[in-house]
C-alpha atoms as a PDB file:
ATOM      1  CA  MET A   1       0.000   0.000   0.000  1.00  0.00           C
ATOM      2  CA  ALA A   2       1.049   3.587  -0.607  1.00  0.00           C
ATOM      3  CA  THR A   3       2.316   5.661   2.314  1.00  0.00           C
ATOM      4  CA  ILE A   4      -0.367   8.005   3.653  1.00  0.00           C
ATOM      5  CA  GLN A   5       0.744  11.629   3.504  1.00  0.00           C
ATOM      6  CA  ARG A   6      -0.500  13.514   6.549  1.00  0.00           C
ATOM      7  CA  HIS A   7      -0.725  17.141   7.582  1.00  0.00           C
ATOM      8  CA  SER A   8       0.890  18.280  10.806  1.00  0.00           C
ATOM      9  CA  PRO A   9      -0.998  18.054  14.117  1.00  0.00           C
ATOM     10  CA  THR A  10      -0.974  21.865  14.163  1.00  0.00           C
ATOM     11  CA  GLY A  11      -2.774  22.065  10.832  1.00  0.00           C
ATOM     12  CA  HIS A  12      -5.294  19.392  11.792  1.00  0.00           C
ATOM     13  CA  ALA A  13      -6.070  21.218  15.052  1.00  0.00           C
ATOM     14  CA  ALA A  14      -6.432  24.534  13.184  1.00  0.00           C
ATOM     15  CA  TYR A  15      -8.957  22.964  10.802  1.00  0.00           C
ATOM     16  CA  HIS A  16     -11.165  21.688  13.633  1.00  0.00           C
ATOM     17  CA  ASP A  17     -10.866  25.044  15.413  1.00  0.00           C
ATOM     18  CA  LEU A  18     -12.105  26.690  12.192  1.00  0.00           C
ATOM     19  CA  LEU A  19     -14.994  24.247  11.988  1.00  0.00           C
ATOM     20  CA  ARG A  20     -16.027  24.890  15.610  1.00  0.00           C
ATOM     21  CA  SER A  21     -15.993  28.636  15.030  1.00  0.00           C
ATOM     22  CA  LEU A  22     -18.161  28.347  11.910  1.00  0.00           C
ATOM     23  CA  ARG A  23     -20.687  26.219  13.795  1.00  0.00           C
ATOM     24  CA  ASP A  24     -20.743  28.762  16.614  1.00  0.00           C
ATOM     25  CA  ASP A  25     -21.449  31.517  14.091  1.00  0.00           C
ATOM     26  CA  ALA A  26     -24.371  29.594  12.617  1.00  0.00           C
ATOM     27  CA  ILE A  27     -26.095  29.777  16.002  1.00  0.00           C
ATOM     28  CA  SER A  28     -25.178  33.393  16.742  1.00  0.00           C
ATOM     29  CA  ASP A  29     -27.085  34.446  13.584  1.00  0.00           C
ATOM     30  CA  LEU A  30     -30.451  33.693  15.217  1.00  0.00           C
ATOM     31  CA  ARG A  31     -32.924  36.575  14.981  1.00  0.00           C
ATOM     32  CA  GLY A  32     -35.442  35.540  17.629  1.00  0.00           C
ATOM     33  CA  THR A  33     -36.141  32.834  20.203  1.00  0.00           C
ATOM     34  CA  PRO A  34     -35.025  29.201  19.803  1.00  0.00           C
ATOM     35  CA  THR A  35     -38.109  26.971  19.723  1.00  0.00           C
ATOM     36  CA  ARG A  36     -38.253  23.179  20.191  1.00  0.00           C
ATOM     37  CA  VAL A  37     -40.567  21.196  17.865  1.00  0.00           C
ATOM     38  CA  ARG A  38     -41.181  17.441  18.019  1.00  0.00           C
ATOM     39  CA  ARG A  39     -42.222  15.599  14.851  1.00  0.00           C
ATOM     40  CA  GLY A  40     -42.656  11.889  15.462  1.00  0.00           C
ATOM     41  CA  ALA A  41     -39.436  10.526  16.916  1.00  0.00           C
ATOM     42  CA  LYS A  42     -37.389  13.574  15.801  1.00  0.00           C
ATOM     43  CA  ILE A  43     -36.838  16.839  17.679  1.00  0.00           C
ATOM     44  CA  TYR A  44     -36.016  19.951  15.665  1.00  0.00           C
ATOM     45  CA  TRP A  45     -35.119  23.473  16.725  1.00  0.00           C
ATOM     46  CA  TYR A  46     -36.368  26.625  14.993  1.00  0.00           C
ATOM     47  CA  ASP A  47     -35.616  30.332  15.261  1.00  0.00           C
ATOM     48  CA  SER A  48     -38.985  31.999  15.963  1.00  0.00           C
ATOM     49  CA  PHE A  49     -39.259  35.721  15.243  1.00  0.00           C
ATOM     50  CA  ARG A  50     -41.876  38.318  14.344  1.00  0.00           C
ATOM     51  CA  VAL A  51     -42.217  40.076  11.014  1.00  0.00           C
ATOM     52  CA  GLY A  52     -45.004  42.607  11.513  1.00  0.00           C
ATOM     53  CA  SER A  53     -47.934  40.687  12.982  1.00  0.00           C
ATOM     54  CA  ASP A  54     -46.678  37.311  11.707  1.00  0.00           C
ATOM     55  CA  VAL A  55     -44.529  34.809  13.605  1.00  0.00           C
ATOM     56  CA  ARG A  56     -42.023  33.080  11.332  1.00  0.00           C
ATOM     57  CA  LYS A  57     -39.815  30.088  11.976  1.00  0.00           C
ATOM     58  CA  THR A  58     -36.424  29.335  10.454  1.00  0.00           C
ATOM     59  CA  TYR A  59     -34.946  25.872  10.834  1.00  0.00           C
ATOM     60  CA  ILE A  60     -31.843  25.647  13.049  1.00  0.00           C
ATOM     61  CA  GLY A  61     -31.141  21.927  13.193  1.00  0.00           C
ATOM     62  CA  GLU A  62     -31.975  18.559  14.675  1.00  0.00           C
ATOM     63  CA  GLU A  63     -31.489  18.330  18.421  1.00  0.00           C
ATOM     64  CA  THR A  64     -28.060  17.088  19.483  1.00  0.00           C
ATOM     65  CA  PRO A  65     -26.008  17.632  22.665  1.00  0.00           C
ATOM     66  CA  GLU A  66     -23.706  19.960  20.718  1.00  0.00           C
ATOM     67  CA  LEU A  67     -26.626  22.077  19.471  1.00  0.00           C
ATOM     68  CA  LEU A  68     -28.087  22.363  22.981  1.00  0.00           C
ATOM     69  CA  GLN A  69     -24.723  23.504  24.347  1.00  0.00           C
ATOM     70  CA  ARG A  70     -24.478  26.211  21.694  1.00  0.00           C
ATOM     71  CA  LEU A  71     -28.038  27.398  22.375  1.00  0.00           C
ATOM     72  CA  ASP A  72     -27.162  27.691  26.078  1.00  0.00           C
ATOM     73  CA  ARG A  73     -24.239  29.967  25.102  1.00  0.00           C
ATOM     74  CA  LEU A  74     -26.237  32.034  22.601  1.00  0.00           C
ATOM     75  CA  ALA A  75     -25.694  35.439  24.268  1.00  0.00           C
ATOM     76  CA  ALA A  76     -21.933  34.944  24.543  1.00  0.00           C
ATOM     77  CA  LEU A  77     -21.701  33.682  20.969  1.00  0.00           C
ATOM     78  CA  ARG A  78     -23.488  36.778  19.677  1.00  0.00           C
ATOM     79  CA  GLU A  79     -21.090  39.105  21.494  1.00  0.00           C
ATOM     80  CA  ALA A  80     -17.976  37.417  20.079  1.00  0.00           C
ATOM     81  CA  ARG A  81     -18.978  37.318  16.398  1.00  0.00           C
ATOM     82  CA  GLU A  82     -16.419  39.810  15.100  1.00  0.00           C
ATOM     83  CA  ALA A  83     -13.584  38.334  17.173  1.00  0.00           C
ATOM     84  CA  ARG A  84     -14.429  34.880  15.786  1.00  0.00           C
ATOM     85  CA  ARG A  85     -14.416  36.150  12.216  1.00  0.00           C
ATOM     86  CA  GLN A  86     -10.941  37.635  12.663  1.00  0.00           C
ATOM     87  CA  HIS A  87      -9.751  34.417  14.305  1.00  0.00           C
ATOM     88  CA  ARG A  88     -11.090  32.349  11.398  1.00  0.00           C
ATOM     89  CA  THR A  89      -9.266  34.550   8.893  1.00  0.00           C
ATOM     90  CA  ARG A  90      -6.015  33.792  10.743  1.00  0.00           C
ATOM     91  CA  LEU A  91      -6.839  30.079  10.826  1.00  0.00           C
ATOM     92  CA  VAL A  92      -7.484  29.988   7.064  1.00  0.00           C
ATOM     93  CA  ARG A  93      -4.135  31.715   6.532  1.00  0.00           C
ATOM     94  CA  ILE A  94      -2.426  29.091   8.720  1.00  0.00           C
ATOM     95  CA  LEU A  95      -4.110  26.240   6.854  1.00  0.00           C
ATOM     96  CA  ARG A  96      -3.101  27.600   3.462  1.00  0.00           C
ATOM     97  CA  ALA A  97       0.483  27.900   4.701  1.00  0.00           C
ATOM     98  CA  GLU A  98       0.284  24.278   5.867  1.00  0.00           C
ATOM     99  CA  GLY A  99      -0.635  23.230   2.334  1.00  0.00           C
ATOM    100  CA  TYR A 100      -4.353  22.617   2.768  1.00  0.00           C
ATOM    101  CA  LEU A 101      -6.390  22.929  -0.410  1.00  0.00           C
ATOM    102  CA  GLY A 102      -8.357  26.135  -0.696  1.00  0.00           C
ATOM    103  CA  MET A 103     -11.477  26.656  -2.757  1.00  0.00           C
ATOM    104  CA  ASP A 104     -11.174  28.544  -6.023  1.00  0.00           C
ATOM    105  CA  ALA A 105     -13.073  31.816  -6.173  1.00  0.00           C
ATOM    106  CA  ALA A 106     -15.874  30.467  -8.374  1.00  0.00           C
ATOM    107  CA  THR A 107     -16.612  27.466  -6.138  1.00  0.00           C
ATOM    108  CA  GLY A 108     -16.032  29.279  -2.860  1.00  0.00           C
ATOM    109  CA  SER A 109     -18.249  32.259  -3.663  1.00  0.00           C
ATOM    110  CA  LEU A 110     -21.083  30.032  -4.888  1.00  0.00           C
ATOM    111  CA  LEU A 111     -20.972  27.701  -1.875  1.00  0.00           C
ATOM    112  CA  SER A 112     -20.761  30.699   0.448  1.00  0.00           C
ATOM    113  CA  ALA A 113     -23.921  32.155  -1.101  1.00  0.00           C
ATOM    114  CA  MET A 114     -25.672  28.789  -0.821  1.00  0.00           C
ATOM    115  CA  ALA A 115     -24.634  28.445   2.807  1.00  0.00           C
ATOM    116  CA  ALA A 116     -25.939  31.932   3.602  1.00  0.00           C
ATOM    117  CA  ALA A 117     -29.262  31.050   1.942  1.00  0.00           C
ATOM    118  CA  GLY A 118     -29.605  27.926   4.110  1.00  0.00           C
ATOM    119  CA  VAL A 119     -28.858  25.153   1.601  1.00  0.00           C
ATOM    120  CA  PHE A 120     -26.705  23.100   3.991  1.00  0.00           C
ATOM    121  CA  ARG A 121     -28.669  24.059   7.099  1.00  0.00           C
ATOM    122  CA  LEU A 122     -31.771  22.647   5.372  1.00  0.00           C
ATOM    123  CA  GLY A 123     -30.269  19.251   4.595  1.00  0.00           C
ATOM    124  CA  GLY A 124     -28.222  19.843   1.453  1.00  0.00           C
ATOM    125  CA  THR A 125     -25.093  17.679   1.395  1.00  0.00           C
ATOM    126  CA  LEU A 126     -22.127  18.145  -0.914  1.00  0.00           C
ATOM    127  CA  ILE A 127     -21.110  14.918  -2.636  1.00  0.00           C
ATOM    128  CA  GLY A 128     -18.585  14.110  -5.357  1.00  0.00           C
ATOM    129  CA  THR A 129     -15.068  15.500  -5.674  1.00  0.00           C
ATOM    130  CA  VAL A 130     -15.856  18.814  -3.944  1.00  0.00           C
ATOM    131  CA  ALA A 131     -16.817  16.802  -0.854  1.00  0.00           C
ATOM    132  CA  PHE A 132     -13.808  14.496  -1.209  1.00  0.00           C
ATOM    133  CA  ARG A 133     -11.439  17.483  -1.060  1.00  0.00           C
ATOM    134  CA  LEU A 134     -12.868  18.405   2.342  1.00  0.00           C
ATOM    135  CA  TYR A 135     -11.830  15.081   3.875  1.00  0.00           C
ATOM    136  CA  GLU A 136      -8.347  16.561   3.858  1.00  0.00           C
ATOM    137  CA  GLY A 137      -9.347  18.618   6.884  1.00  0.00           C
ATOM    138  CA  GLU A 138     -11.591  16.029   8.520  1.00  0.00           C
ATOM    139  CA  LEU A 139      -8.919  13.309   8.355  1.00  0.00           C
ATOM    140  CA  GLY A 140      -5.758  15.431   8.333  1.00  0.00           C
ATOM    141  CA  ILE A 141      -4.402  13.881   5.110  1.00  0.00           C
ATOM    142  CA  ARG A 142      -2.669  15.360   2.086  1.00  0.00           C
ATOM    143  CA  LEU A 143      -4.424  14.780  -1.235  1.00  0.00           C
ATOM    144  CA  GLY A 144      -2.578  14.324  -4.503  1.00  0.00           C
ATOM    145  CA  PHE A 145      -3.646  15.712  -7.875  1.00  0.00           C
ATOM    146  CA  ASP A 146      -4.347  12.216  -9.228  1.00  0.00           C
ATOM    147  CA  GLN A 147      -6.780  11.527  -6.381  1.00  0.00           C
ATOM    148  CA  LEU A 148      -8.786  14.686  -7.010  1.00  0.00           C
ATOM    149  CA  GLY A 149      -9.562  14.569 -10.722  1.00  0.00           C
ATOM    150  CA  GLN A 150     -11.697  17.683 -10.481  1.00  0.00           C
ATOM    151  CA  THR A 151     -14.640  17.515 -12.887  1.00  0.00           C
ATOM    152  CA  GLY A 152     -15.988  21.043 -12.425  1.00  0.00           C
ATOM    153  CA  ASP A 153     -19.305  19.688 -11.122  1.00  0.00           C
ATOM    154  CA  ILE A 154     -20.883  20.691  -7.819  1.00  0.00           C
ATOM    155  CA  ASP A 155     -23.278  17.962  -6.696  1.00  0.00           C
ATOM    156  CA  ILE A 156     -25.724  18.613  -3.846  1.00  0.00           C
ATOM    157  CA  ALA A 157     -27.986  15.871  -2.521  1.00  0.00           C
ATOM    158  CA  SER A 158     -30.783  15.751   0.032  1.00  0.00           C
ATOM    159  CA  PHE A 159     -33.659  13.551   1.172  1.00  0.00           C
ATOM    160  CA  GLU A 160     -37.051  14.505  -0.262  1.00  0.00           C
ATOM    161  CA  ARG A 161     -38.816  13.480   2.959  1.00  0.00           C
ATOM    162  CA  LEU A 162     -36.515  15.634   5.100  1.00  0.00           C
ATOM    163  CA  SER A 163     -37.066  18.544   2.729  1.00  0.00           C
ATOM    164  CA  LEU A 164     -40.825  18.215   3.244  1.00  0.00           C
ATOM    165  CA  ALA A 165     -40.604  17.728   7.023  1.00  0.00           C
ATOM    166  CA  LEU A 166     -38.566  20.846   7.786  1.00  0.00           C
ATOM    167  CA  GLU A 167     -41.262  23.306   6.628  1.00  0.00           C
ATOM    168  CA  ASP A 168     -38.639  25.903   5.712  1.00  0.00           C
ATOM    169  CA  THR A 169     -36.999  26.929   2.467  1.00  0.00           C
ATOM    170  CA  VAL A 170     -33.861  28.636   1.210  1.00  0.00           C
ATOM    171  CA  SER A 171     -33.891  32.409   1.001  1.00  0.00           C
ATOM    172  CA  PRO A 172     -33.310  33.867  -1.532  1.00  0.00           C
ATOM    173  CA  PRO A 173     -34.759  31.206  -3.883  1.00  0.00           C
ATOM    174  CA  MET A 174     -32.359  28.769  -5.504  1.00  0.00           C
ATOM    175  CA  GLN A 175     -33.116  30.075  -8.989  1.00  0.00           C
ATOM    176  CA  SER A 176     -32.142  33.571  -7.845  1.00  0.00           C
ATOM    177  CA  ILE A 177     -28.877  32.363  -6.257  1.00  0.00           C
ATOM    178  CA  LEU A 178     -27.820  30.461  -9.351  1.00  0.00           C
ATOM    179  CA  GLY A 179     -28.926  33.285 -11.625  1.00  0.00           C
ATOM    180  CA  ASP A 180     -26.691  35.723  -9.748  1.00  0.00           C
ATOM    181  CA  PHE A 181     -23.729  33.485 -10.661  1.00  0.00           C
ATOM    182  CA  ALA A 182     -24.760  33.247 -14.335  1.00  0.00           C
ATOM    183  CA  PHE A 183     -26.100  29.688 -14.148  1.00  0.00           C
ATOM    184  CA  ASP A 184     -28.817  28.735 -16.600  1.00  0.00           C
ATOM    185  CA  PRO A 185     -31.142  25.748 -16.233  1.00  0.00           C
ATOM    186  CA  VAL A 186     -30.294  22.796 -18.452  1.00  0.00           C
ATOM    187  CA  PRO A 187     -33.527  21.928 -20.284  1.00  0.00           C
ATOM    188  CA  ALA A 188     -35.308  19.025 -18.613  1.00  0.00           C
ATOM    189  CA  LEU A 189     -37.531  16.393 -20.133  1.00  0.00           C
ATOM    190  CA  ALA A 190     -41.187  17.263 -20.594  1.00  0.00           C
ATOM    191  CA  ARG A 191     -43.175  17.419 -17.341  1.00  0.00           C
ATOM    192  CA  GLU A 192     -40.037  17.123 -15.215  1.00  0.00           C
ATOM    193  CA  GLY A 193     -38.469  19.833 -13.098  1.00  0.00           C
ATOM    194  CA  VAL A 194     -35.004  21.255 -13.689  1.00  0.00           C
ATOM    195  CA  TRP A 195     -32.285  19.633 -11.555  1.00  0.00           C
ATOM    196  CA  LYS A 196     -29.146  20.657 -13.469  1.00  0.00           C
ATOM    197  CA  TRP A 197     -27.690  24.120 -14.042  1.00  0.00           C
ATOM    198  CA  ARG A 198     -24.735  25.207 -16.206  1.00  0.00           C
ATOM    199  CA  GLN A 199     -22.675  28.393 -15.808  1.00  0.00           C
ATOM    200  CA  SER A 200     -22.743  30.386 -19.021  1.00  0.00           C
ATOM    201  CA  HIS A 201     -19.056  31.407 -19.026  1.00  0.00           C
ATOM    202  CA  SER A 202     -17.481  28.176 -17.729  1.00  0.00           C
ATOM    203  CA  ASP A 203     -17.890  24.399 -17.685  1.00  0.00           C
ATOM    204  CA  ILE A 204     -19.185  24.298 -14.091  1.00  0.00           C
ATOM    205  CA  LEU A 205     -22.346  22.272 -13.550  1.00  0.00           C
ATOM    206  CA  VAL A 206     -24.513  22.323 -10.428  1.00  0.00           C
ATOM    207  CA  GLU A 207     -26.622  19.198 -10.022  1.00  0.00           C
ATOM    208  CA  PHE A 208     -29.223  18.382  -7.375  1.00  0.00           C
ATOM    209  CA  LEU A 209     -29.740  14.735  -6.439  1.00  0.00           C
ATOM    210  CA  THR A 210     -31.939  12.724  -4.086  1.00  0.00           C
ATOM    211  CA  PRO A 211     -32.216   9.051  -3.107  1.00  0.00           C
ATOM    212  CA  SER A 212     -34.530   6.872  -5.183  1.00  0.00           C
ATOM    213  CA  PHE A 213     -36.658   4.379  -3.268  1.00  0.00           C
ATOM    214  CA  GLU A 214     -38.407   3.134  -6.403  1.00  0.00           C
ATOM    215  CA  ALA A 215     -37.333   0.925  -9.307  1.00  0.00           C
ATOM    216  CA  ALA A 216     -37.125   3.871 -11.707  1.00  0.00           C
ATOM    217  CA  GLU A 217     -34.714   6.773 -11.242  1.00  0.00           C
ATOM    218  CA  GLY A 218     -36.732   9.876 -12.145  1.00  0.00           C
ATOM    219  CA  THR A 219     -36.905  13.378 -10.702  1.00  0.00           C
ATOM    220  CA  ARG A 220     -38.355  14.475  -7.367  1.00  0.00           C
ATOM    221  CA  PRO A 221     -38.994  17.871  -5.721  1.00  0.00           C
ATOM    222  CA  LEU A 222     -36.856  19.182  -2.861  1.00  0.00           C
ATOM    223  CA  PRO A 223     -39.137  21.866  -1.369  1.00  0.00           C
ATOM    224  CA  ALA A 224     -36.656  23.073   1.268  1.00  0.00           C
ATOM    225  CA  LEU A 225     -34.015  23.740  -1.395  1.00  0.00           C
ATOM    226  CA  GLY A 226     -36.541  25.152  -3.857  1.00  0.00           C
ATOM    227  CA  THR A 227     -35.524  22.867  -6.703  1.00  0.00           C
ATOM    228  CA  TYR A 228     -36.015  19.463  -8.294  1.00  0.00           C
ATOM    229  CA  ALA A 229     -33.493  16.644  -8.005  1.00  0.00           C
ATOM    230  CA  LYS A 230     -32.464  13.599  -9.993  1.00  0.00           C
ATOM    231  CA  ALA A 231     -33.357  10.475  -8.011  1.00  0.00           C
ATOM    232  CA  LEU A 232     -30.576   7.868  -7.819  1.00  0.00           C
ATOM    233  CA  HIS A 233     -30.231   4.497  -6.137  1.00  0.00           C
ATOM    234  CA  HIS A 234     -27.723   4.025  -3.271  1.00  0.00           C
ATOM    235  CA  LEU A 235     -27.805   7.706  -2.262  1.00  0.00           C
ATOM    236  CA  ASN A 236     -29.822   6.956   0.882  1.00  0.00           C
ATOM    237  CA  TYR A 237     -26.808   5.012   2.149  1.00  0.00           C
ATOM    238  CA  LEU A 238     -24.403   7.872   1.355  1.00  0.00           C
ATOM    239  CA  LEU A 239     -26.491  10.623   2.958  1.00  0.00           C
ATOM    240  CA  ALA A 240     -27.151   8.999   6.346  1.00  0.00           C
ATOM    241  CA  GLU A 241     -25.790  11.028   9.267  1.00  0.00           C
ATOM    242  CA  PRO A 242     -23.749  13.624   7.327  1.00  0.00           C
ATOM    243  CA  ILE A 243     -21.090  15.746   9.028  1.00  0.00           C
ATOM    244  CA  PRO A 244     -20.226  19.471   8.919  1.00  0.00           C
ATOM    245  CA  ALA A 245     -17.113  20.592   7.062  1.00  0.00           C
ATOM    246  CA  ALA A 246     -15.198  23.842   6.586  1.00  0.00           C
ATOM    247  CA  GLY A 247     -14.268  25.117   3.141  1.00  0.00           C
ATOM    248  CA  LEU A 248     -11.181  27.355   2.900  1.00  0.00           C
ATOM    249  CA  TYR A 249     -12.650  30.445   1.290  1.00  0.00           C
ATOM    250  CA  ARG A 250     -12.224  33.912   2.849  1.00  0.00           C
ATOM    251  CA  SER A 251     -12.900  33.360   6.589  1.00  0.00           C
ATOM    252  CA  GLY A 252     -14.328  29.880   5.965  1.00  0.00           C
ATOM    253  CA  VAL A 253     -17.630  28.515   4.683  1.00  0.00           C
ATOM    254  CA  LEU A 254     -19.694  25.937   6.591  1.00  0.00           C
ATOM    255  CA  VAL A 255     -21.051  23.095   4.449  1.00  0.00           C
ATOM    256  CA  GLN A 256     -22.169  19.498   4.952  1.00  0.00           C
ATOM    257  CA  ILE A 257     -20.585  16.320   3.535  1.00  0.00           C
ATOM    258  CA  PRO A 258     -21.150  12.551   3.879  1.00  0.00           C
ATOM    259  CA  ARG A 259     -19.364  10.551   6.552  1.00  0.00           C
ATOM    260  CA  PRO A 260     -15.983   9.512   5.088  1.00  0.00           C
ATOM    261  CA  GLU A 261     -16.538   5.784   5.628  1.00  0.00           C
ATOM    262  CA  ARG A 262     -19.860   5.886   3.775  1.00  0.00           C
ATOM    263  CA  PHE A 263     -18.306   7.997   1.009  1.00  0.00           C
ATOM    264  CA  ALA A 264     -15.571   5.365   0.538  1.00  0.00           C
ATOM    265  CA  ILE A 265     -17.981   2.433   0.316  1.00  0.00           C
ATOM    266  CA  HIS A 266     -20.395   4.364  -1.900  1.00  0.00           C
ATOM    267  CA  LYS A 267     -17.532   5.079  -4.304  1.00  0.00           C
ATOM    268  CA  LEU A 268     -16.913   1.337  -4.629  1.00  0.00           C
ATOM    269  CA  ILE A 269     -20.563   0.886  -5.600  1.00  0.00           C
ATOM    270  CA  VAL A 270     -20.833   3.740  -8.105  1.00  0.00           C
ATOM    271  CA  ALA A 271     -17.477   2.852  -9.689  1.00  0.00           C
ATOM    272  CA  ASP A 272     -19.015  -0.386 -10.876  1.00  0.00           C
ATOM    273  CA  ARG A 273     -22.113   1.423 -12.130  1.00  0.00           C
ATOM    274  CA  ARG A 274     -19.858   3.670 -14.222  1.00  0.00           C
ATOM    275  CA  ARG A 275     -17.487   0.999 -15.531  1.00  0.00           C
ATOM    276  CA  ASP A 276     -18.847   1.195 -19.093  1.00  0.00           C
ATOM    277  CA  GLY A 277     -19.804   4.052 -21.361  1.00  0.00           C
ATOM    278  CA  PRO A 278     -19.109   7.797 -21.092  1.00  0.00           C
ATOM    279  CA  ASP A 279     -18.561   7.717 -17.312  1.00  0.00           C
ATOM    280  CA  SER A 280     -15.788   5.101 -17.385  1.00  0.00           C
ATOM    281  CA  LEU A 281     -13.129   7.736 -16.599  1.00  0.00           C
ATOM    282  CA  LYS A 282     -15.133   8.773 -13.538  1.00  0.00           C
ATOM    283  CA  ALA A 283     -15.044   5.144 -12.399  1.00  0.00           C
ATOM    284  CA  VAL A 284     -11.231   5.294 -12.310  1.00  0.00           C
ATOM    285  CA  LYS A 285     -11.415   8.405 -10.115  1.00  0.00           C
ATOM    286  CA  ASP A 286     -14.037   6.733  -7.890  1.00  0.00           C
ATOM    287  CA  ARG A 287     -11.783   3.735  -7.292  1.00  0.00           C
ATOM    288  CA  MET A 288      -8.762   5.926  -6.511  1.00  0.00           C
ATOM    289  CA  GLN A 289     -10.724   7.925  -3.952  1.00  0.00           C
ATOM    290  CA  ALA A 290     -12.189   4.779  -2.386  1.00  0.00           C
ATOM    291  CA  ALA A 291      -8.749   3.160  -2.170  1.00  0.00           C
ATOM    292  CA  LEU A 292      -7.249   6.140  -0.350  1.00  0.00           C
ATOM    293  CA  LEU A 293     -10.107   6.548   2.110  1.00  0.00           C
ATOM    294  CA  THR A 294     -10.288   2.847   2.976  1.00  0.00           C
ATOM    295  CA  GLN A 295      -6.541   2.827   3.673  1.00  0.00           C
ATOM    296  CA  VAL A 296      -6.747   5.924   5.908  1.00  0.00           C
ATOM    297  CA  LEU A 297      -9.872   4.793   7.725  1.00  0.00           C
ATOM    298  CA  ALA A 298      -8.534   1.285   8.290  1.00  0.00           C
ATOM    299  CA  GLU A 299      -5.736   2.933  10.290  1.00  0.00           C
ATOM    300  CA  ASP A 300      -7.643   5.754  11.972  1.00  0.00           C
ATOM    301  CA  ARG A 301     -11.299   4.647  12.239  1.00  0.00           C
ATOM    302  CA  PRO A 302     -11.429   0.882  11.630  1.00  0.00           C
ATOM    303  CA  ASP A 303     -14.673   0.285  13.520  1.00  0.00           C
ATOM    304  CA  GLU A 304     -16.563   2.932  11.534  1.00  0.00           C
ATOM    305  CA  LEU A 305     -15.171   1.601   8.243  1.00  0.00           C
ATOM    306  CA  ALA A 306     -16.080  -2.016   9.048  1.00  0.00           C
ATOM    307  CA  GLU A 307     -19.580  -1.036  10.145  1.00  0.00           C
ATOM    308  CA  ALA A 308     -20.189   1.003   6.975  1.00  0.00           C
ATOM    309  CA  PHE A 309     -18.975  -1.823   4.736  1.00  0.00           C
ATOM    310  CA  ASP A 310     -20.984  -4.516   6.524  1.00  0.00           C
ATOM    311  CA  LEU A 311     -24.147  -2.412   6.262  1.00  0.00           C
ATOM    312  CA  ALA A 312     -23.691  -2.077   2.492  1.00  0.00           C
ATOM    313  CA  TRP A 313     -22.728  -5.749   2.111  1.00  0.00           C
ATOM    314  CA  GLN A 314     -25.918  -6.817   3.880  1.00  0.00           C
ATOM    315  CA  SER A 315     -28.119  -4.605   1.689  1.00  0.00           C
ATOM    316  CA  GLY A 316     -28.725  -7.265  -0.950  1.00  0.00           C
ATOM    317  CA  PRO A 317     -27.131  -9.254  -3.782  1.00  0.00           C
ATOM    318  CA  GLN A 318     -26.922  -6.304  -6.191  1.00  0.00           C
ATOM    319  CA  TRP A 319     -24.960  -4.258  -3.657  1.00  0.00           C
ATOM    320  CA  ARG A 320     -22.634  -7.196  -2.986  1.00  0.00           C
ATOM    321  CA  ALA A 321     -22.063  -7.777  -6.704  1.00  0.00           C
ATOM    322  CA  ARG A 322     -21.038  -4.152  -7.258  1.00  0.00           C
ATOM    323  CA  LEU A 323     -18.767  -4.139  -4.215  1.00  0.00           C
ATOM    324  CA  GLU A 324     -17.100  -7.374  -5.304  1.00  0.00           C
ATOM    325  CA  ALA A 325     -16.572  -6.079  -8.843  1.00  0.00           C
ATOM    326  CA  SER A 326     -14.781  -2.943  -7.602  1.00  0.00           C
ATOM    327  CA  LEU A 327     -12.763  -4.745  -4.921  1.00  0.00           C
ATOM    328  CA  HIS A 328     -11.580  -7.245  -7.541  1.00  0.00           C
ATOM    329  CA  LYS A 329      -9.744  -4.274  -9.117  1.00  0.00           C
ATOM    330  CA  LEU A 330      -8.594  -2.887  -5.743  1.00  0.00           C
ATOM    331  CA  PRO A 331      -6.805  -5.600  -3.765  1.00  0.00           C
ATOM    332  CA  GLU A 332      -5.316  -2.925  -1.488  1.00  0.00           C
ATOM    333  CA  ALA A 333      -8.822  -1.749  -0.540  1.00  0.00           C
ATOM    334  CA  ARG A 334      -9.911  -5.338   0.126  1.00  0.00           C
ATOM    335  CA  ALA A 335      -6.879  -5.801   2.388  1.00  0.00           C
ATOM    336  CA  ALA A 336      -7.670  -2.571   4.235  1.00  0.00           C
ATOM    337  CA  LEU A 337     -11.263  -3.635   4.810  1.00  0.00           C
ATOM    338  CA  ARG A 338     -10.162  -7.021   6.145  1.00  0.00           C
ATOM    339  CA  ALA A 339      -7.647  -5.304   8.434  1.00  0.00           C
ATOM    340  CA  ALA A 340     -10.458  -3.086   9.760  1.00  0.00           C
ATOM    341  CA  GLY A 341     -12.533  -6.151  10.641  1.00  0.00           C
ATOM    342  CA  ALA A 342     -15.107  -5.957   7.836  1.00  0.00           C
ATOM    343  CA  GLY A 343     -16.880  -9.216   7.008  1.00  0.00           C
ATOM    344  CA  ILE A 344     -15.325  -9.740   3.585  1.00  0.00           C
ATOM    345  CA  ALA A 345     -13.937 -12.898   2.045  1.00  0.00           C
ATOM    346  CA  ASP A 346     -10.342 -13.213   0.779  1.00  0.00           C
END
């Protein structure tokens, strides 16, 4: 196996300090009173405030111990906003000096605008190579050019049912955000909503995706994000329990990405789906990213990696066939999974 290139402990600590500060800022932006709402087995928190005679609610997040701690510190967080912003600017400078990958202006400015509008707060999750780049900070590893294979696409996925349950929506509307960055809708099939947008002066594509729970992969609405999405199989596995991440743009941008162990296993699955036809080059990139992440996670988080693999392996014969096909081409990934304790044959 290749030697894992790692960032210094100082850089890794600076990244997580940046992430904590961005999460603190997300809470300090509240306009009104935090309100607790139970829906079935889930508990959500909303920012309740008045606009004229109306009471409006903006989604904050699902209840977690970390969220409750931040809500308890709300007054102090509000007072320290400017000091945190200056601190984050210094942290981004440190991370760039350490060799961490920054976001280019086009990607960073767009994701910053989406974050401000609530895309990631409302369940949007970055997937694809843009998300993969952010595991550099989460895992403290150095990424090589061959492992990135940037395609220019920005893929954002979310659950349709979550989008309906939150009863909130991005502001300004998604069409307005994308229009401000010169993105035009790519014509969709008759009677289907637009889920893909192309920037007029570049090759950048923004695509919205959602898990498919039916035999056919069509399009579905994402009300919270104010758009339609292409429905794809296996995405429900990828999107479970996503994590926050910090993009290195200006003083940092807070986004959401899949758990690294699920990203690695999902890449093994989609690599086999793409093995033929126009996406065959993407399959090579998928396998390279999966190989690196399985090697890192087998060393650093073996229990999480084994659990993620076993869950996918037990999801049916089609899942197992795709995993086996990719692992046949990646003996190093198979060895890493065995070393982590995954239930996989030699």
